[in-house]
Each structure stands twice: as C-alpha cells, then as structure tokens.
C-alpha cells in the first residue's frame, strides 16, 4: 500500500512545486513593475538637473528644452486640465505676471496632457502670452516625477536656472494662483 501512495504523493508534490513557481514568478513580476514605476516617478528635487525633453506647443511646433537652457530661467508648471477652474486661475496668474517674469529673465511654460488644439483654444480664450506644451502620454510628467492627486494629473511648478538645474519646486493642488506668485517671488529673491 505504501508504494501505491508514493506516485500520488510525487504527483501532488510536482503540482505544488509548479504552483509555487508560478506564484513566485507573479510576485517577482509585480515587484519589478512597482520598481520600474517608482523609478520612473522619482521626483525631481531642487539641486538636481532638470530632465531635457521635446514636446509640441500650442502652435504645433516642437519645443526643445535643450534649446532654452542657458538663455532664460525657465518656469515650468504642470497643471491638470485646460479650462478647469483652478487651472484657469493659475494660467491667468501667470498671464497677469508675465511682464514681471519676462523682466526677471524668465520664460513661462505650462505642460499637461491636453492636445495641441486644446492648448491653442485655451491660449486664445484667456490671451495667454506664454507657451503651453502637449504631453499626451505624461512622459514629461513622469520625467519630473509629478504625482497624480485625487485621480488627476498633479499640479507642480519648477524653476530651472540657466545651467539647467532645478532651483525651486512648488506643489499645491488647489492653489493655482499661488504657483505664479511664489515662483516670481523666488526668482526676484534669487536675483538679489
């Protein structure tokens, strides 16, 4: 009787080993995906080099960040959606302070996943004098490590100096106007 139960036990053990290997592979795969996501979502901090990128602007032209480094201080603000309430307040705050940013040697750039056409309509509607860039796959969002908040793309502003280094970062999801005010204040203080 003992010999008859051994093949059954051997088959059972093989099945259990196969199941354990499958579970381990699943766990390793999930761990790998989380690690890759965490690495892609590493937040850019003040003192680090800003990621270099190319995106289309509201006119359908390619904007290359590498072409701007060294010419201006860059104010790069990420916002969730064209025409939404807080995003409109934020864009209008940058618009209203545009001359002050320009006098301080800064170039303002807004980025979100909206289309080129959506950005053009937003610029035309609110007479925005600065560049809006279309990041449809959130690649640049991910390069900067801007996190989603409340199921929406995050809202964060970065100031990049002429050497291409992030010198200031500000995140506040519901205070759109604060982004323009605080970035301008930082730039003015840094110049003195």
Protein backbone atom coordinates (compact mmCIF):
# COMPACT_ATOMS: atom_id res chain seq x y z
CA UNK A 1 0.00 0.00 0.00
CA UNK A 2 2.83 2.31 0.74
CA UNK A 3 4.19 2.03 -2.81
CA UNK A 4 0.85 2.99 -4.37
CA UNK A 5 0.62 6.22 -2.37
CA UNK A 6 4.14 7.34 -3.38
CA UNK A 7 3.25 8.07 -7.02
CA UNK A 8 0.26 10.02 -5.79
CA UNK A 9 2.48 11.98 -3.38
CA UNK A 10 5.07 12.58 -6.12
CA UNK A 11 2.42 13.93 -8.48
CA UNK A 12 0.98 16.08 -5.73
CA UNK A 13 4.44 17.45 -4.87
CA UNK A 14 5.16 18.25 -8.53
CA UNK A 15 1.85 20.11 -8.81
CA UNK A 16 2.58 22.06 -5.62
CA UNK A 17 6.09 22.95 -6.86
CA UNK A 18 4.68 24.19 -10.17
CA UNK A 19 2.09 26.32 -8.33
CA UNK A 20 4.76 27.76 -6.05
CA UNK A 21 6.97 28.62 -9.00
CA UNK A 22 4.04 30.33 -10.74
CA UNK A 23 3.26 32.38 -7.60
CA UNK A 24 6.91 33.35 -7.21
CA UNK A 25 7.07 34.47 -10.85
CA UNK A 26 3.93 36.54 -10.39
CA UNK A 27 5.32 38.13 -7.23
CA UNK A 28 8.64 38.87 -8.93
CA UNK A 29 6.86 40.35 -11.95
CA UNK A 30 4.67 42.61 -9.83
CA UNK A 31 7.68 43.68 -7.75
CA UNK A 32 9.57 44.51 -10.93
CA UNK A 33 6.67 46.61 -12.25
CA UNK A 34 6.44 48.53 -8.97
CA UNK A 35 10.20 49.13 -9.02
CA UNK A 36 10.06 50.42 -12.60
CA UNK A 37 7.13 52.69 -11.80
CA UNK A 38 8.84 54.03 -8.70
CA UNK A 39 11.99 54.72 -10.69
CA UNK A 40 10.04 56.48 -13.46
CA UNK A 41 8.17 58.51 -10.84
CA UNK A 42 11.30 59.69 -8.96
CA UNK A 43 10.54 63.29 -8.09
CA UNK A 44 12.99 65.90 -9.33
CA UNK A 45 14.20 67.96 -6.39
CA UNK A 46 15.86 71.36 -6.12
CA UNK A 47 19.57 70.97 -6.79
CA UNK A 48 19.11 68.26 -9.45
CA UNK A 49 19.47 68.64 -13.20
CA UNK A 50 16.14 69.17 -14.91
CA UNK A 51 15.17 66.47 -17.40
CA UNK A 52 15.58 67.54 -21.03
CA UNK A 53 12.56 66.96 -23.27
CA UNK A 54 10.82 67.90 -26.51
CA UNK A 55 7.06 68.43 -26.86
CA UNK A 56 4.67 70.18 -29.23
CA UNK A 57 3.44 73.65 -28.29
CA UNK A 58 0.02 75.21 -28.88
CA UNK A 59 1.08 76.20 -32.41
CA UNK A 60 2.08 72.65 -33.32
CA UNK A 61 5.81 73.49 -33.25
CA UNK A 62 8.37 71.37 -31.43
CA UNK A 63 9.69 72.94 -28.23
CA UNK A 64 13.13 71.61 -27.24
CA UNK A 65 14.09 72.39 -23.68
CA UNK A 66 17.78 71.94 -24.55
CA UNK A 67 17.47 74.97 -26.85
CA UNK A 68 16.24 77.14 -23.96
CA UNK A 69 18.72 76.20 -21.23
CA UNK A 70 21.30 78.96 -20.93
CA UNK A 71 19.04 81.60 -22.49
CA UNK A 72 16.44 82.02 -19.74
CA UNK A 73 15.42 80.97 -16.31
CA UNK A 74 12.60 78.51 -17.04
CA UNK A 75 9.38 78.39 -15.06
CA UNK A 76 7.83 75.03 -15.91
CA UNK A 77 4.43 74.47 -14.44
CA UNK A 78 2.44 71.25 -14.70
CA UNK A 79 -1.33 71.52 -14.45
CA UNK A 80 -4.19 69.02 -14.80
CA UNK A 81 -6.58 70.41 -17.43
CA UNK A 82 -7.24 73.32 -19.77
CA UNK A 83 -10.33 75.37 -18.88
CA UNK A 84 -10.84 73.88 -15.42
CA UNK A 85 -11.42 76.35 -12.59
CA UNK A 86 -8.13 76.14 -10.66
CA UNK A 87 -6.06 75.65 -13.82
CA UNK A 88 -7.61 78.74 -15.39
CA UNK A 89 -6.85 80.80 -12.27
CA UNK A 90 -3.28 79.52 -12.38
CA UNK A 91 -2.82 80.27 -16.09
CA UNK A 92 -4.31 83.75 -15.66
CA UNK A 93 -1.99 84.42 -12.70
CA UNK A 94 1.00 83.55 -14.90
CA UNK A 95 -0.51 85.73 -17.66
CA UNK A 96 -1.03 88.67 -15.31
CA UNK A 97 2.56 88.41 -14.06
CA UNK A 98 4.03 87.64 -17.49
CA UNK A 99 5.78 91.01 -17.88
CA UNK A 100 7.32 90.63 -14.42
CA UNK A 101 8.60 87.15 -15.29
CA UNK A 102 10.00 88.47 -18.59
CA UNK A 103 11.74 91.41 -16.87
CA UNK A 104 13.28 88.91 -14.43
CA UNK A 105 14.67 86.92 -17.40
CA UNK A 106 12.25 84.03 -17.04
CA UNK A 107 10.30 82.10 -19.65
CA UNK A 108 6.99 80.55 -18.54
CA UNK A 109 5.99 77.11 -19.88
CA UNK A 110 2.81 75.21 -18.98
CA UNK A 111 2.54 71.45 -19.52
CA UNK A 112 -0.31 68.95 -19.36
CA UNK A 113 -1.69 66.02 -21.33
CA UNK A 114 -4.11 68.16 -23.33
CA UNK A 115 -3.92 68.24 -27.11
CA UNK A 116 -2.26 70.94 -29.19
CA UNK A 117 -5.77 72.08 -30.26
CA UNK A 118 -6.99 72.24 -26.65
CA UNK A 119 -3.95 74.32 -25.69
CA UNK A 120 -4.48 76.67 -28.63
CA UNK A 121 -8.11 77.21 -27.66
CA UNK A 122 -7.09 77.80 -24.01
CA UNK A 123 -4.40 80.31 -25.05
CA UNK A 124 -6.84 82.13 -27.35
CA UNK A 125 -9.66 82.15 -24.80
CA UNK A 126 -7.59 83.70 -21.99
CA UNK A 127 -4.98 85.53 -24.12
CA UNK A 128 -2.13 83.60 -22.55
CA UNK A 129 1.21 85.03 -23.77
CA UNK A 130 3.34 82.01 -22.88
CA UNK A 131 4.00 78.51 -24.19
CA UNK A 132 1.74 75.54 -23.42
CA UNK A 133 3.10 72.10 -24.24
CA UNK A 134 1.16 68.93 -25.00
CA UNK A 135 2.34 65.84 -23.08
CA UNK A 136 -0.31 63.30 -24.17
CA UNK A 137 1.39 60.26 -22.62
CA UNK A 138 2.55 62.12 -19.48
CA UNK A 139 6.16 61.29 -20.35
CA UNK A 140 7.48 64.64 -19.14
CA UNK A 141 5.20 64.49 -16.07
CA UNK A 142 6.91 61.18 -15.28
CA UNK A 143 10.40 62.56 -16.01
CA UNK A 144 9.82 65.25 -13.39
CA UNK A 145 8.07 62.80 -11.05
CA UNK A 146 4.90 64.87 -10.74
CA UNK A 147 2.42 62.67 -8.88
CA UNK A 148 -1.28 62.32 -9.55
CA UNK A 149 -3.58 63.82 -6.95
CA UNK A 150 -7.25 62.98 -6.49
CA UNK A 151 -7.31 60.95 -9.75
CA UNK A 152 -5.97 63.93 -11.73
CA UNK A 153 -2.59 64.89 -13.08
CA UNK A 154 -0.63 66.76 -10.44
CA UNK A 155 -0.03 70.49 -10.17
CA UNK A 156 3.58 71.47 -9.62
CA UNK A 157 5.91 74.30 -10.62
CA UNK A 158 9.66 74.07 -11.15
CA UNK A 159 12.13 76.91 -11.66
CA UNK A 160 15.16 75.88 -13.71
CA UNK A 161 18.22 78.13 -13.79
CA UNK A 162 20.32 78.90 -16.86
CA UNK A 163 22.60 75.94 -16.08
CA UNK A 164 19.63 73.56 -16.35
CA UNK A 165 19.42 72.91 -12.63
CA UNK A 166 16.13 72.89 -10.71
CA UNK A 167 16.44 75.63 -8.10
CA UNK A 168 12.86 75.69 -6.85
CA UNK A 169 9.90 73.30 -6.75
CA UNK A 170 6.40 74.01 -5.50
CA UNK A 171 3.41 71.67 -5.26
CA UNK A 172 -0.08 72.81 -4.23
CA UNK A 173 -3.02 71.12 -5.89
CA UNK A 174 -5.79 73.59 -5.12
CA UNK A 175 -3.87 76.88 -5.04
CA UNK A 176 -3.30 77.67 -8.71
CA UNK A 177 -2.54 81.39 -8.33
CA UNK A 178 -0.02 80.63 -5.60
CA UNK A 179 2.21 78.87 -8.16
CA UNK A 180 2.77 82.05 -10.19
CA UNK A 181 3.09 84.29 -7.13
CA UNK A 182 5.58 82.06 -5.33
CA UNK A 183 7.70 81.30 -8.42
CA UNK A 184 8.00 85.03 -9.22
CA UNK A 185 8.84 85.82 -5.60
CA UNK A 186 11.55 83.14 -5.63
CA UNK A 187 13.06 84.41 -8.89
CA UNK A 188 13.13 88.02 -7.63
CA UNK A 189 14.72 86.95 -4.33
CA UNK A 190 17.32 84.79 -6.09
CA UNK A 191 18.35 87.71 -8.33
CA UNK A 192 19.06 89.97 -5.31
